[in-house]
Amino acid sequence: MLEQFEGHNVSLIGVSTDSFYSHNAWFADREIFPNEITHPVVADTNHALSKAFGVLKCDLGVSYRGTIIVDDEGIVRSTTVTDLSAGRSPGEVLRTIQALQSGGLCGVDWKSGDDFVA
């Protein structure tokens, strides 16, 4: 799906409280990750990023599932945080990026090419 993000002037970066070595083991398992991970993944073992974005679950030392979209001026444009058991949708992240870059007011189910609300 990474190719669908191309042309939107974005950089995708994953962050996990797992170590570099854990990432290597996870990403090599083709049952869990059938496709190669093609974006960088930061090992946030000191929890600095997780704390900075307010997604650290302190009692377990892990992060909630957060998606943070930051613009090229360093301004957070969108934040979505879910509990540990809820996965994220790359398609919804892409739709949100497209909406943020569209220049119009986008409805909840807006997709690129749809009319704006106003």
PDB file of N, CA and C in Angstrom:
ATOM      1  N   MET A   1       0.820  -1.195   0.000  1.00  0.00           N
ATOM      2  CA  MET A   1       0.000   0.000   0.000  1.00  0.00           C
ATOM      3  C   MET A   1       0.864   1.260   0.000  1.00  0.00           C
ATOM      4  N   LEU A   2       2.139   1.120   0.290  1.00  0.00           N
ATOM      5  CA  LEU A   2       3.033   2.272   0.367  1.00  0.00           C
ATOM      6  C   LEU A   2       2.992   3.103  -0.904  1.00  0.00           C
ATOM      7  N   GLU A   3       2.878   2.448  -2.046  1.00  0.00           N
ATOM      8  CA  GLU A   3       2.853   3.182  -3.321  1.00  0.00           C
ATOM      9  C   GLU A   3       1.648   4.114  -3.427  1.00  0.00           C
ATOM     10  N   GLN A   4       0.560   3.830  -2.728  1.00  0.00           N
ATOM     11  CA  GLN A   4      -0.615   4.704  -2.753  1.00  0.00           C
ATOM     12  C   GLN A   4      -0.358   6.019  -2.018  1.00  0.00           C
ATOM     13  N   PHE A   5       0.610   6.019  -1.109  1.00  0.00           N
ATOM     14  CA  PHE A   5       0.961   7.241  -0.390  1.00  0.00           C
ATOM     15  C   PHE A   5       1.898   8.127  -1.204  1.00  0.00           C
ATOM     16  N   GLU A   6       2.554   7.532  -2.216  1.00  0.00           N
ATOM     17  CA  GLU A   6       3.463   8.304  -3.059  1.00  0.00           C
ATOM     18  C   GLU A   6       2.673   9.386  -3.790  1.00  0.00           C
ATOM     19  N   GLY A   7       3.296  10.514  -3.995  1.00  0.00           N
ATOM     20  CA  GLY A   7       2.635  11.624  -4.657  1.00  0.00           C
ATOM     21  C   GLY A   7       1.850  12.511  -3.701  1.00  0.00           C
ATOM     22  N   HIS A   8       1.810  12.156  -2.436  1.00  0.00           N
ATOM     23  CA  HIS A   8       1.100  12.963  -1.442  1.00  0.00           C
ATOM     24  C   HIS A   8       2.069  13.737  -0.548  1.00  0.00           C
ATOM     25  N   ASN A   9       3.357  13.677  -0.891  1.00  0.00           N
ATOM     26  CA  ASN A   9       4.379  14.427  -0.160  1.00  0.00           C
ATOM     27  C   ASN A   9       4.358  14.102   1.331  1.00  0.00           C
ATOM     28  N   VAL A  10       4.334  12.800   1.641  1.00  0.00           N
ATOM     29  CA  VAL A  10       4.345  12.352   3.029  1.00  0.00           C
ATOM     30  C   VAL A  10       5.476  11.355   3.244  1.00  0.00           C
ATOM     31  N   SER A  11       5.905  11.262   4.479  1.00  0.00           N
ATOM     32  CA  SER A  11       6.861  10.240   4.899  1.00  0.00           C
ATOM     33  C   SER A  11       6.178   9.388   5.947  1.00  0.00           C
ATOM     34  N   LEU A  12       6.213   8.095   5.749  1.00  0.00           N
ATOM     35  CA  LEU A  12       5.618   7.176   6.715  1.00  0.00           C
ATOM     36  C   LEU A  12       6.721   6.658   7.626  1.00  0.00           C
ATOM     37  N   ILE A  13       6.479   6.740   8.927  1.00  0.00           N
ATOM     38  CA  ILE A  13       7.434   6.251   9.914  1.00  0.00           C
ATOM     39  C   ILE A  13       6.646   5.502  10.974  1.00  0.00           C
ATOM     40  N   GLY A  14       7.020   4.280  11.219  1.00  0.00           N
ATOM     41  CA  GLY A  14       6.417   3.511  12.296  1.00  0.00           C
ATOM     42  C   GLY A  14       7.219   3.700  13.567  1.00  0.00           C
ATOM     43  N   VAL A  15       6.559   3.616  14.687  1.00  0.00           N
ATOM     44  CA  VAL A  15       7.229   3.708  15.983  1.00  0.00           C
ATOM     45  C   VAL A  15       6.662   2.603  16.861  1.00  0.00           C
ATOM     46  N   SER A  16       7.554   1.912  17.535  1.00  0.00           N
ATOM     47  CA  SER A  16       7.148   0.827  18.416  1.00  0.00           C
ATOM     48  C   SER A  16       8.041   0.831  19.644  1.00  0.00           C
ATOM     49  N   THR A  17       7.490   0.456  20.780  1.00  0.00           N
ATOM     50  CA  THR A  17       8.302   0.359  21.986  1.00  0.00           C
ATOM     51  C   THR A  17       9.141  -0.915  21.989  1.00  0.00           C
ATOM     52  N   ASP A  18       8.940  -1.782  21.012  1.00  0.00           N
ATOM     53  CA  ASP A  18       9.772  -2.979  20.877  1.00  0.00           C
ATOM     54  C   ASP A  18      11.173  -2.591  20.405  1.00  0.00           C
ATOM     55  N   SER A  19      12.121  -3.469  20.633  1.00  0.00           N
ATOM     56  CA  SER A  19      13.506  -3.218  20.240  1.00  0.00           C
ATOM     57  C   SER A  19      13.715  -3.503  18.752  1.00  0.00           C
ATOM     58  N   PHE A  20      14.838  -3.035  18.259  1.00  0.00           N
ATOM     59  CA  PHE A  20      15.261  -3.316  16.885  1.00  0.00           C
ATOM     60  C   PHE A  20      15.254  -4.820  16.628  1.00  0.00           C
ATOM     61  N   TYR A  21      15.725  -5.603  17.589  1.00  0.00           N
ATOM     62  CA  TYR A  21      15.819  -7.056  17.442  1.00  0.00           C
ATOM     63  C   TYR A  21      14.428  -7.692  17.402  1.00  0.00           C
ATOM     64  N   SER A  22      13.517  -7.184  18.212  1.00  0.00           N
ATOM     65  CA  SER A  22      12.125  -7.668  18.160  1.00  0.00           C
ATOM     66  C   SER A  22      11.505  -7.361  16.806  1.00  0.00           C
ATOM     67  N   HIS A  23      11.743  -6.145  16.308  1.00  0.00           N
ATOM     68  CA  HIS A  23      11.217  -5.771  14.986  1.00  0.00           C
ATOM     69  C   HIS A  23      11.719  -6.736  13.922  1.00  0.00           C
ATOM     70  N   ASN A  24      12.999  -7.016  13.928  1.00  0.00           N
ATOM     71  CA  ASN A  24      13.556  -7.930  12.926  1.00  0.00           C
ATOM     72  C   ASN A  24      12.885  -9.294  12.981  1.00  0.00           C
ATOM     73  N   ALA A  25      12.660  -9.805  14.177  1.00  0.00           N
ATOM     74  CA  ALA A  25      12.015 -11.108  14.316  1.00  0.00           C
ATOM     75  C   ALA A  25      10.566 -11.064  13.839  1.00  0.00           C
ATOM     76  N   TRP A  26       9.832 -10.020  14.255  1.00  0.00           N
ATOM     77  CA  TRP A  26       8.430  -9.886  13.839  1.00  0.00           C
ATOM     78  C   TRP A  26       8.328  -9.753  12.321  1.00  0.00           C
ATOM     79  N   PHE A  27       9.116  -8.855  11.745  1.00  0.00           N
ATOM     80  CA  PHE A  27       8.988  -8.549  10.325  1.00  0.00           C
ATOM     81  C   PHE A  27       9.445  -9.694   9.439  1.00  0.00           C
ATOM     82  N   ALA A  28      10.248 -10.592   9.965  1.00  0.00           N
ATOM     83  CA  ALA A  28      10.684 -11.758   9.196  1.00  0.00           C
ATOM     84  C   ALA A  28       9.612 -12.848   9.159  1.00  0.00           C
ATOM     85  N   ASP A  29       8.631 -12.775  10.047  1.00  0.00           N
ATOM     86  CA  ASP A  29       7.572 -13.788  10.123  1.00  0.00           C
ATOM     87  C   ASP A  29       6.501 -13.472   9.083  1.00  0.00           C
ATOM     88  N   ARG A  30       6.500 -14.197   7.984  1.00  0.00           N
ATOM     89  CA  ARG A  30       5.583 -13.948   6.864  1.00  0.00           C
ATOM     90  C   ARG A  30       4.134 -14.349   7.173  1.00  0.00           C
ATOM     91  N   GLU A  31       3.902 -15.082   8.242  1.00  0.00           N
ATOM     92  CA  GLU A  31       2.514 -15.356   8.644  1.00  0.00           C
ATOM     93  C   GLU A  31       1.915 -14.124   9.301  1.00  0.00           C
ATOM     94  N   ILE A  32       2.713 -13.427  10.108  1.00  0.00           N
ATOM     95  CA  ILE A  32       2.232 -12.220  10.793  1.00  0.00           C
ATOM     96  C   ILE A  32       2.287 -11.027   9.848  1.00  0.00           C
ATOM     97  N   PHE A  33       3.390 -10.898   9.108  1.00  0.00           N
ATOM     98  CA  PHE A  33       3.596  -9.802   8.156  1.00  0.00           C
ATOM     99  C   PHE A  33       3.811 -10.403   6.774  1.00  0.00           C
ATOM    100  N   PRO A  34       2.733 -10.717   6.054  1.00  0.00           N
ATOM    101  CA  PRO A  34       2.891 -11.368   4.750  1.00  0.00           C
ATOM    102  C   PRO A  34       3.657 -10.508   3.735  1.00  0.00           C
ATOM    103  N   ASN A  35       3.600  -9.197   3.905  1.00  0.00           N
ATOM    104  CA  ASN A  35       4.317  -8.299   2.996  1.00  0.00           C
ATOM    105  C   ASN A  35       5.495  -7.668   3.719  1.00  0.00           C
ATOM    106  N   GLU A  36       6.542  -7.411   2.971  1.00  0.00           N
ATOM    107  CA  GLU A  36       7.726  -6.782   3.547  1.00  0.00           C
ATOM    108  C   GLU A  36       7.385  -5.386   4.074  1.00  0.00           C
ATOM    109  N   ILE A  37       7.931  -5.038   5.216  1.00  0.00           N
ATOM    110  CA  ILE A  37       7.773  -3.692   5.768  1.00  0.00           C
ATOM    111  C   ILE A  37       8.732  -2.789   4.996  1.00  0.00           C
ATOM    112  N   THR A  38       8.203  -1.776   4.333  1.00  0.00           N
ATOM    113  CA  THR A  38       9.018  -0.948   3.439  1.00  0.00           C
ATOM    114  C   THR A  38       9.216   0.473   3.948  1.00  0.00           C
ATOM    115  N   HIS A  39       8.703   0.769   5.126  1.00  0.00           N
ATOM    116  CA  HIS A  39       8.918   2.091   5.715  1.00  0.00           C
ATOM    117  C   HIS A  39       9.757   1.928   6.987  1.00  0.00           C
ATOM    118  N   PRO A  40      10.449   2.989   7.387  1.00  0.00           N
ATOM    119  CA  PRO A  40      11.259   2.875   8.602  1.00  0.00           C
ATOM    120  C   PRO A  40      10.393   2.685   9.842  1.00  0.00           C
ATOM    121  N   VAL A  41      10.910   1.915  10.778  1.00  0.00           N
ATOM    122  CA  VAL A  41      10.241   1.699  12.063  1.00  0.00           C
ATOM    123  C   VAL A  41      11.257   2.006  13.165  1.00  0.00           C
ATOM    124  N   VAL A  42      10.919   2.951  14.002  1.00  0.00           N
ATOM    125  CA  VAL A  42      11.785   3.402  15.083  1.00  0.00           C
ATOM    126  C   VAL A  42      11.549   2.535  16.315  1.00  0.00           C
ATOM    127  N   ALA A  43      12.625   2.105  16.945  1.00  0.00           N
ATOM    128  CA  ALA A  43      12.542   1.372  18.202  1.00  0.00           C
ATOM    129  C   ALA A  43      12.559   2.398  19.342  1.00  0.00           C
ATOM    130  N   ASP A  44      11.377   2.695  19.858  1.00  0.00           N
ATOM    131  CA  ASP A  44      11.219   3.704  20.913  1.00  0.00           C
ATOM    132  C   ASP A  44      11.376   3.049  22.284  1.00  0.00           C
ATOM    133  N   THR A  45      12.521   2.430  22.499  1.00  0.00           N
ATOM    134  CA  THR A  45      12.719   1.664  23.735  1.00  0.00           C
ATOM    135  C   THR A  45      12.829   2.544  24.976  1.00  0.00           C
ATOM    136  N   ASN A  46      13.175   3.822  24.815  1.00  0.00           N
ATOM    137  CA  ASN A  46      13.203   4.718  25.976  1.00  0.00           C
ATOM    138  C   ASN A  46      11.871   5.464  26.156  1.00  0.00           C
ATOM    139  N   HIS A  47      10.922   5.193  25.261  1.00  0.00           N
ATOM    140  CA  HIS A  47       9.545   5.711  25.324  1.00  0.00           C
ATOM    141  C   HIS A  47       9.446   7.218  25.115  1.00  0.00           C
ATOM    142  N   ALA A  48      10.492   7.841  24.608  1.00  0.00           N
ATOM    143  CA  ALA A  48      10.484   9.301  24.429  1.00  0.00           C
ATOM    144  C   ALA A  48       9.396   9.739  23.451  1.00  0.00           C
ATOM    145  N   LEU A  49       9.284   9.072  22.304  1.00  0.00           N
ATOM    146  CA  LEU A  49       8.256   9.454  21.322  1.00  0.00           C
ATOM    147  C   LEU A  49       6.858   9.134  21.831  1.00  0.00           C
ATOM    148  N   SER A  50       6.705   7.974  22.444  1.00  0.00           N
ATOM    149  CA  SER A  50       5.399   7.578  22.970  1.00  0.00           C
ATOM    150  C   SER A  50       4.906   8.567  24.022  1.00  0.00           C
ATOM    151  N   LYS A  51       5.814   9.015  24.872  1.00  0.00           N
ATOM    152  CA  LYS A  51       5.453  10.018  25.882  1.00  0.00           C
ATOM    153  C   LYS A  51       5.137  11.360  25.219  1.00  0.00           C
ATOM    154  N   ALA A  52       5.973  11.762  24.264  1.00  0.00           N
ATOM    155  CA  ALA A  52       5.784  13.064  23.607  1.00  0.00           C
ATOM    156  C   ALA A  52       4.434  13.160  22.921  1.00  0.00           C
ATOM    157  N   PHE A  53       3.943  12.063  22.357  1.00  0.00           N
ATOM    158  CA  PHE A  53       2.662  12.086  21.664  1.00  0.00           C
ATOM    159  C   PHE A  53       1.506  11.599  22.542  1.00  0.00           C
ATOM    160  N   GLY A  54       1.792  11.323  23.811  1.00  0.00           N
ATOM    161  CA  GLY A  54       0.729  10.983  24.763  1.00  0.00           C
ATOM    162  C   GLY A  54       0.085   9.639  24.534  1.00  0.00           C
ATOM    163  N   VAL A  55       0.831   8.664  24.004  1.00  0.00           N
ATOM    164  CA  VAL A  55       0.235   7.358  23.727  1.00  0.00           C
ATOM    165  C   VAL A  55       0.835   6.237  24.574  1.00  0.00           C
ATOM    166  N   LEU A  56       1.713   6.562  25.511  1.00  0.00           N
ATOM    167  CA  LEU A  56       2.345   5.528  26.322  1.00  0.00           C
ATOM    168  C   LEU A  56       1.380   4.991  27.371  1.00  0.00           C
ATOM    169  N   LYS A  57       1.268   3.687  27.435  1.00  0.00           N
ATOM    170  CA  LYS A  57       0.508   3.006  28.496  1.00  0.00           C
ATOM    171  C   LYS A  57       1.542   2.635  29.559  1.00  0.00           C
ATOM    172  N   CYS A  58       1.711   3.539  30.503  1.00  0.00           N
ATOM    173  CA  CYS A  58       2.822   3.481  31.455  1.00  0.00           C
ATOM    174  C   CYS A  58       2.889   2.169  32.233  1.00  0.00           C
ATOM    175  N   ASP A  59       1.743   1.637  32.672  1.00  0.00           N
ATOM    176  CA  ASP A  59       1.770   0.436  33.513  1.00  0.00           C
ATOM    177  C   ASP A  59       2.310  -0.789  32.790  1.00  0.00           C
ATOM    178  N   LEU A  60       2.222  -0.796  31.444  1.00  0.00           N
ATOM    179  CA  LEU A  60       2.744  -1.924  30.670  1.00  0.00           C
ATOM    180  C   LEU A  60       4.024  -1.577  29.912  1.00  0.00           C
ATOM    181  N   GLY A  61       4.357  -0.297  29.832  1.00  0.00           N
ATOM    182  CA  GLY A  61       5.548   0.108  29.087  1.00  0.00           C
ATOM    183  C   GLY A  61       5.412  -0.061  27.591  1.00  0.00           C
ATOM    184  N   VAL A  62       4.186  -0.010  27.104  1.00  0.00           N
ATOM    185  CA  VAL A  62       3.912  -0.107  25.667  1.00  0.00           C
ATOM    186  C   VAL A  62       3.045   1.083  25.256  1.00  0.00           C
ATOM    187  N   SER A  63       2.894   1.261  23.980  1.00  0.00           N
ATOM    188  CA  SER A  63       2.086   2.375  23.484  1.00  0.00           C
ATOM    189  C   SER A  63       0.732   1.900  22.994  1.00  0.00           C
ATOM    190  N   TYR A  64      -0.258   2.762  23.201  1.00  0.00           N
ATOM    191  CA  TYR A  64      -1.530   2.547  22.530  1.00  0.00           C
ATOM    192  C   TYR A  64      -1.282   2.663  21.030  1.00  0.00           C
ATOM    193  N   ARG A  65      -2.226   2.273  20.224  1.00  0.00           N
ATOM    194  CA  ARG A  65      -2.091   2.328  18.770  1.00  0.00           C
ATOM    195  C   ARG A  65      -2.418   3.747  18.316  1.00  0.00           C
ATOM    196  N   GLY A  66      -1.401   4.512  18.016  1.00  0.00           N
ATOM    197  CA  GLY A  66      -1.591   5.905  17.641  1.00  0.00           C
ATOM    198  C   GLY A  66      -1.183   6.160  16.208  1.00  0.00           C
ATOM    199  N   THR A  67      -1.949   6.990  15.545  1.00  0.00           N
ATOM    200  CA  THR A  67      -1.595   7.490  14.223  1.00  0.00           C
ATOM    201  C   THR A  67      -1.612   9.004  14.308  1.00  0.00           C
ATOM    202  N   ILE A  68      -0.467   9.605  14.075  1.00  0.00           N
ATOM    203  CA  ILE A  68      -0.335  11.055  14.175  1.00  0.00           C
ATOM    204  C   ILE A  68       0.138  11.577  12.837  1.00  0.00           C
ATOM    205  N   ILE A  69      -0.610  12.510  12.276  1.00  0.00           N
ATOM    206  CA  ILE A  69      -0.249  13.122  11.000  1.00  0.00           C
ATOM    207  C   ILE A  69       0.261  14.520  11.312  1.00  0.00           C
ATOM    208  N   VAL A  70       1.521  14.761  10.948  1.00  0.00           N
ATOM    209  CA  VAL A  70       2.190  16.029  11.211  1.00  0.00           C
ATOM    210  C   VAL A  70       2.513  16.668   9.866  1.00  0.00           C
ATOM    211  N   ASP A  71       2.180  17.950   9.706  1.00  0.00           N
ATOM    212  CA  ASP A  71       2.457  18.602   8.421  1.00  0.00           C
ATOM    213  C   ASP A  71       3.923  19.021   8.318  1.00  0.00           C
ATOM    214  N   ASP A  72       4.286  19.577   7.183  1.00  0.00           N
ATOM    215  CA  ASP A  72       5.682  19.919   6.922  1.00  0.00           C
ATOM    216  C   ASP A  72       6.179  21.098   7.759  1.00  0.00           C
ATOM    217  N   GLU A  73       5.283  21.727   8.518  1.00  0.00           N
ATOM    218  CA  GLU A  73       5.684  22.805   9.427  1.00  0.00           C
ATOM    219  C   GLU A  73       5.722  22.316  10.883  1.00  0.00           C
ATOM    220  N   GLY A  74       5.528  20.999  11.076  1.00  0.00           N
ATOM    221  CA  GLY A  74       5.586  20.427  12.416  1.00  0.00           C
ATOM    222  C   GLY A  74       4.306  20.535  13.205  1.00  0.00           C
ATOM    223  N   ILE A  75       3.210  20.867  12.540  1.00  0.00           N
ATOM    224  CA  ILE A  75       1.911  21.016  13.215  1.00  0.00           C
ATOM    225  C   ILE A  75       1.146  19.694  13.120  1.00  0.00           C
ATOM    226  N   VAL A  76       0.679  19.206  14.268  1.00  0.00           N
ATOM    227  CA  VAL A  76      -0.138  17.987  14.285  1.00  0.00           C
ATOM    228  C   VAL A  76      -1.480  18.315  13.659  1.00  0.00           C
ATOM    229  N   ARG A  77      -1.817  17.626  12.580  1.00  0.00           N
ATOM    230  CA  ARG A  77      -3.063  17.867  11.843  1.00  0.00           C
ATOM    231  C   ARG A  77      -4.148  16.839  12.171  1.00  0.00           C
ATOM    232  N   SER A  78      -3.730  15.657  12.627  1.00  0.00           N
ATOM    233  CA  SER A  78      -4.701  14.613  12.952  1.00  0.00           C
ATOM    234  C   SER A  78      -4.061  13.643  13.942  1.00  0.00           C
ATOM    235  N   THR A  79      -4.849  13.230  14.924  1.00  0.00           N
ATOM    236  CA  THR A  79      -4.410  12.227  15.891  1.00  0.00           C
ATOM    237  C   THR A  79      -5.542  11.230  16.082  1.00  0.00           C
ATOM    238  N   THR A  80      -5.199   9.963  15.967  1.00  0.00           N
ATOM    239  CA  THR A  80      -6.140   8.886  16.248  1.00  0.00           C
ATOM    240  C   THR A  80      -5.440   7.908  17.169  1.00  0.00           C
ATOM    241  N   VAL A  81      -6.054   7.607  18.299  1.00  0.00           N
ATOM    242  CA  VAL A  81      -5.471   6.678  19.255  1.00  0.00           C
ATOM    243  C   VAL A  81      -6.520   5.632  19.596  1.00  0.00           C
ATOM    244  N   THR A  82      -6.118   4.368  19.504  1.00  0.00           N
ATOM    245  CA  THR A  82      -7.025   3.273  19.859  1.00  0.00           C
ATOM    246  C   THR A  82      -6.356   2.386  20.898  1.00  0.00           C
ATOM    247  N   ASP A  83      -7.142   1.551  21.534  1.00  0.00           N
ATOM    248  CA  ASP A  83      -6.621   0.629  22.531  1.00  0.00           C
ATOM    249  C   ASP A  83      -5.739  -0.422  21.860  1.00  0.00           C
ATOM    250  N   LEU A  84      -5.053  -1.191  22.659  1.00  0.00           N
ATOM    251  CA  LEU A  84      -4.083  -2.151  22.147  1.00  0.00           C
ATOM    252  C   LEU A  84      -4.700  -3.215  21.243  1.00  0.00           C
ATOM    253  N   SER A  85      -5.960  -3.531  21.446  1.00  0.00           N
ATOM    254  CA  SER A  85      -6.590  -4.608  20.687  1.00  0.00           C
ATOM    255  C   SER A  85      -7.151  -4.169  19.337  1.00  0.00           C
ATOM    256  N   ALA A  86      -7.157  -2.866  19.067  1.00  0.00           N
ATOM    257  CA  ALA A  86      -7.761  -2.366  17.831  1.00  0.00           C
ATOM    258  C   ALA A  86      -6.679  -2.040  16.803  1.00  0.00           C
ATOM    259  N   GLY A  87      -6.805  -2.621  15.635  1.00  0.00           N
ATOM    260  CA  GLY A  87      -5.873  -2.336  14.549  1.00  0.00           C
ATOM    261  C   GLY A  87      -6.177  -1.007  13.894  1.00  0.00           C
ATOM    262  N   ARG A  88      -5.283  -0.599  13.014  1.00  0.00           N
ATOM    263  CA  ARG A  88      -5.458   0.652  12.292  1.00  0.00           C
ATOM    264  C   ARG A  88      -5.645   0.359  10.811  1.00  0.00           C
ATOM    265  N   SER A  89      -6.220   1.323  10.116  1.00  0.00           N
ATOM    266  CA  SER A  89      -6.516   1.167   8.702  1.00  0.00           C
ATOM    267  C   SER A  89      -5.642   2.101   7.871  1.00  0.00           C
ATOM    268  N   PRO A  90      -4.669   1.563   7.132  1.00  0.00           N
ATOM    269  CA  PRO A  90      -3.870   2.416   6.251  1.00  0.00           C
ATOM    270  C   PRO A  90      -4.737   3.179   5.252  1.00  0.00           C
ATOM    271  N   GLY A  91      -5.835   2.568   4.818  1.00  0.00           N
ATOM    272  CA  GLY A  91      -6.745   3.235   3.888  1.00  0.00           C
ATOM    273  C   GLY A  91      -7.357   4.486   4.498  1.00  0.00           C
ATOM    274  N   GLU A  92      -7.707   4.427   5.769  1.00  0.00           N
ATOM    275  CA  GLU A  92      -8.276   5.598   6.445  1.00  0.00           C
ATOM    276  C   GLU A  92      -7.206   6.667   6.668  1.00  0.00           C
ATOM    277  N   VAL A  93      -5.980   6.250   6.946  1.00  0.00           N
ATOM    278  CA  VAL A  93      -4.883   7.216   7.083  1.00  0.00           C
ATOM    279  C   VAL A  93      -4.680   7.949   5.754  1.00  0.00           C
ATOM    280  N   LEU A  94      -4.664   7.204   4.658  1.00  0.00           N
ATOM    281  CA  LEU A  94      -4.514   7.819   3.337  1.00  0.00           C
ATOM    282  C   LEU A  94      -5.672   8.761   3.043  1.00  0.00           C
ATOM    283  N   ARG A  95      -6.904   8.357   3.345  1.00  0.00           N
ATOM    284  CA  ARG A  95      -8.073   9.203   3.112  1.00  0.00           C
ATOM    285  C   ARG A  95      -7.968  10.492   3.915  1.00  0.00           C
ATOM    286  N   THR A  96      -7.501  10.391   5.150  1.00  0.00           N
ATOM    287  CA  THR A  96      -7.339  11.576   5.993  1.00  0.00           C
ATOM    288  C   THR A  96      -6.287  12.513   5.415  1.00  0.00           C
ATOM    289  N   ILE A  97      -5.176  11.966   4.970  1.00  0.00           N
ATOM    290  CA  ILE A  97      -4.130  12.791   4.340  1.00  0.00           C
ATOM    291  C   ILE A  97      -4.690  13.497   3.110  1.00  0.00           C
ATOM    292  N   GLN A  98      -5.414  12.769   2.281  1.00  0.00           N
ATOM    293  CA  GLN A  98      -6.003  13.376   1.077  1.00  0.00           C
ATOM    294  C   GLN A  98      -6.978  14.478   1.449  1.00  0.00           C
ATOM    295  N   ALA A  99      -7.777  14.261   2.484  1.00  0.00           N
ATOM    296  CA  ALA A  99      -8.728  15.285   2.922  1.00  0.00           C
ATOM    297  C   ALA A  99      -7.998  16.519   3.432  1.00  0.00           C
ATOM    298  N   LEU A 100      -6.944  16.315   4.223  1.00  0.00           N
ATOM    299  CA  LEU A 100      -6.176  17.441   4.747  1.00  0.00           C
ATOM    300  C   LEU A 100      -5.517  18.250   3.635  1.00  0.00           C
ATOM    301  N   GLN A 101      -5.155  17.588   2.557  1.00  0.00           N
ATOM    302  CA  GLN A 101      -4.481  18.247   1.440  1.00  0.00           C
ATOM    303  C   GLN A 101      -5.448  18.747   0.365  1.00  0.00           C
ATOM    304  N   SER A 102      -6.726  18.489   0.522  1.00  0.00           N
ATOM    305  CA  SER A 102      -7.701  18.771  -0.539  1.00  0.00           C
ATOM    306  C   SER A 102      -8.025  20.251  -0.715  1.00  0.00           C
ATOM    307  N   GLY A 103      -7.936  21.014   0.365  1.00  0.00           N
ATOM    308  CA  GLY A 103      -8.282  22.431   0.283  1.00  0.00           C
ATOM    309  C   GLY A 103      -9.761  22.712   0.463  1.00  0.00           C
ATOM    310  N   GLY A 104     -10.549  21.691   0.773  1.00  0.00           N
ATOM    311  CA  GLY A 104     -11.984  21.894   0.971  1.00  0.00           C
ATOM    312  C   GLY A 104     -12.454  21.277   2.268  1.00  0.00           C
ATOM    313  N   LEU A 105     -13.746  21.448   2.542  1.00  0.00           N
ATOM    314  CA  LEU A 105     -14.366  20.863   3.725  1.00  0.00           C
ATOM    315  C   LEU A 105     -14.887  19.485   3.342  1.00  0.00           C
ATOM    316  N   CYS A 106     -14.314  18.462   3.958  1.00  0.00           N
ATOM    317  CA  CYS A 106     -14.611  17.087   3.569  1.00  0.00           C
ATOM    318  C   CYS A 106     -15.518  16.423   4.602  1.00  0.00           C
ATOM    319  N   GLY A 107     -16.538  15.758   4.123  1.00  0.00           N
ATOM    320  CA  GLY A 107     -17.443  15.017   4.999  1.00  0.00           C
ATOM    321  C   GLY A 107     -16.793  13.757   5.535  1.00  0.00           C
ATOM    322  N   VAL A 108     -17.474  13.097   6.449  1.00  0.00           N
ATOM    323  CA  VAL A 108     -16.932  11.947   7.153  1.00  0.00           C
ATOM    324  C   VAL A 108     -16.536  10.800   6.218  1.00  0.00           C
ATOM    325  N   ASP A 109     -17.287  10.558   5.177  1.00  0.00           N
ATOM    326  CA  ASP A 109     -16.967   9.473   4.248  1.00  0.00           C
ATOM    327  C   ASP A 109     -16.378   9.985   2.942  1.00  0.00           C
ATOM    328  N   TRP A 110     -15.910  11.233   2.941  1.00  0.00           N
ATOM    329  CA  TRP A 110     -15.336  11.839   1.745  1.00  0.00           C
ATOM    330  C   TRP A 110     -14.172  11.003   1.236  1.00  0.00           C
ATOM    331  N   LYS A 111     -14.093  10.894  -0.086  1.00  0.00           N
ATOM    332  CA  LYS A 111     -12.964  10.241  -0.742  1.00  0.00           C
ATOM    333  C   LYS A 111     -12.476  11.159  -1.835  1.00  0.00           C
ATOM    334  N   SER A 112     -11.195  11.044  -2.149  1.00  0.00           N
ATOM    335  CA  SER A 112     -10.580  11.880  -3.177  1.00  0.00           C
ATOM    336  C   SER A 112     -11.428  11.864  -4.444  1.00  0.00           C
ATOM    337  N   GLY A 113     -11.775  13.044  -4.943  1.00  0.00           N
ATOM    338  CA  GLY A 113     -12.616  13.170  -6.133  1.00  0.00           C
ATOM    339  C   GLY A 113     -14.060  13.481  -5.819  1.00  0.00           C
ATOM    340  N   ASP A 114     -14.488  13.250  -4.555  1.00  0.00           N
ATOM    341  CA  ASP A 114     -15.850  13.567  -4.148  1.00  0.00           C
ATOM    342  C   ASP A 114     -16.016  15.090  -4.025  1.00  0.00           C
ATOM    343  N   ASP A 115     -17.275  15.537  -4.062  1.00  0.00           N
ATOM    344  CA  ASP A 115     -17.571  16.949  -3.831  1.00  0.00           C
ATOM    345  C   ASP A 115     -17.293  17.293  -2.362  1.00  0.00           C
ATOM    346  N   PHE A 116     -16.983  18.563  -2.137  1.00  0.00           N
ATOM    347  CA  PHE A 116     -16.782  19.061  -0.783  1.00  0.00           C
ATOM    348  C   PHE A 116     -18.132  19.368  -0.155  1.00  0.00           C
ATOM    349  N   VAL A 117     -18.171  19.405   1.174  1.00  0.00           N
ATOM    350  CA  VAL A 117     -19.393  19.737   1.900  1.00  0.00           C
ATOM    351  C   VAL A 117     -19.763  21.184   1.641  1.00  0.00           C
ATOM    352  N   ALA A 118     -18.773  22.046   1.616  1.00  0.00           N
ATOM    353  CA  ALA A 118     -19.029  23.470   1.361  1.00  0.00           C
ATOM    354  C   ALA A 118     -17.950  24.036   0.472  1.00  0.00           C
TER     355      ALA A 118
END
